[in-house]
Protein backbone atom coordinates (compact mmCIF):
# COMPACT_ATOMS: atom_id res chain seq x y z
CA MET A 1 -2.82 13.67 -16.59
CA GLU A 2 0.18 12.71 -14.53
CA ARG A 3 2.46 9.91 -15.64
CA VAL A 4 3.18 7.51 -12.76
CA ASP A 5 6.64 6.02 -12.38
CA ASP A 6 5.81 2.34 -11.92
CA ASN A 7 9.24 1.75 -10.37
CA THR A 8 7.91 3.32 -7.17
CA VAL A 9 4.65 1.33 -6.86
CA ILE A 10 4.00 -1.79 -4.80
CA ARG A 11 0.95 -4.01 -4.40
CA ALA A 12 0.08 -4.80 -0.79
CA ARG A 13 -2.06 -7.90 -0.25
CA GLY A 14 -3.74 -9.33 2.82
CA LEU A 15 -5.04 -6.04 4.21
CA PRO A 16 -7.97 -6.25 6.62
CA TRP A 17 -11.11 -5.41 4.59
CA GLN A 18 -11.85 -2.35 6.74
CA SER A 19 -8.36 -0.82 6.17
CA SER A 20 -8.16 2.81 5.13
CA ASP A 21 -5.43 4.81 3.44
CA GLN A 22 -4.54 6.12 6.92
CA ASP A 23 -3.98 2.52 8.07
CA ILE A 24 -1.70 1.97 5.09
CA ALA A 25 0.23 5.14 5.96
CA ARG A 26 0.64 3.86 9.55
CA PHE A 27 1.86 0.48 8.30
CA PHE A 28 4.50 2.20 6.16
CA ARG A 29 5.34 4.83 8.81
CA GLY A 30 8.74 6.40 8.19
CA LEU A 31 8.46 5.97 4.41
CA ASN A 32 7.30 8.71 2.07
CA ILE A 33 4.10 7.77 0.27
CA ALA A 34 3.40 10.09 -2.65
CA LYS A 35 0.46 12.45 -2.19
CA GLY A 36 -2.65 10.49 -3.13
CA GLY A 37 -0.43 7.44 -3.50
CA ALA A 38 -2.55 4.85 -1.68
CA ALA A 39 -5.30 3.24 -3.76
CA LEU A 40 -7.47 0.56 -2.17
CA CYS A 41 -8.56 -2.05 -4.72
CA LEU A 42 -12.20 -3.08 -5.07
CA ASN A 43 -13.85 -6.32 -6.15
CA ALA A 44 -16.59 -6.56 -8.80
CA GLN A 45 -19.24 -5.69 -6.17
CA GLY A 46 -17.40 -2.47 -5.26
CA ARG A 47 -16.13 -3.72 -1.90
CA ARG A 48 -12.51 -3.59 -0.75
CA ASN A 49 -10.70 -6.81 -1.58
CA GLY A 50 -7.75 -6.61 0.81
CA GLU A 51 -5.32 -5.21 -1.74
CA ALA A 52 -3.88 -1.77 -2.31
CA LEU A 53 -1.48 -0.11 -4.70
CA VAL A 54 0.92 2.21 -2.92
CA ARG A 55 3.17 4.71 -4.69
CA PHE A 56 6.26 5.96 -2.88
CA GLU A 57 8.24 9.11 -3.57
CA SER A 58 11.41 7.19 -4.43
CA GLU A 59 12.65 3.74 -5.41
CA GLU A 60 14.62 3.67 -2.16
CA HIS A 61 11.42 4.00 -0.11
CA ARG A 62 9.76 1.39 -2.31
CA ASP A 63 12.61 -1.01 -1.55
CA LEU A 64 12.29 -0.31 2.18
CA ALA A 65 8.54 -0.94 1.92
CA LEU A 66 9.18 -4.32 0.30
CA GLN A 67 11.24 -5.26 3.36
CA ARG A 68 8.00 -5.13 5.39
CA HIS A 69 6.82 -8.27 3.57
CA LYS A 70 5.00 -10.54 6.08
CA HIS A 71 4.90 -7.84 8.79
CA HIS A 72 1.57 -7.61 10.59
CA MET A 73 -1.27 -5.11 10.41
CA GLY A 74 -3.39 -6.13 13.34
CA THR A 75 -3.73 -9.91 13.14
CA ARG A 76 -3.10 -10.07 9.39
CA TYR A 77 0.29 -10.34 7.74
CA ILE A 78 0.80 -8.22 4.66
CA GLU A 79 2.43 -9.53 1.51
């Protein structure tokens, strides 16, 4: 088991339901996402709910990711 530093994790909301971890990587292009660090959240029926948890390699990259608040992925803005 690996202990995750929660100081490097963000929650992204408002993702298009069909988004993949590759789409998340493109949205955060230029920032280092930890290997296996994008987790798409599911609703009770097992479908994607438009949220993801993303773990970055450093707090600095997490802070830069937070600056992308309200930037767009397609027609949706991401919180």
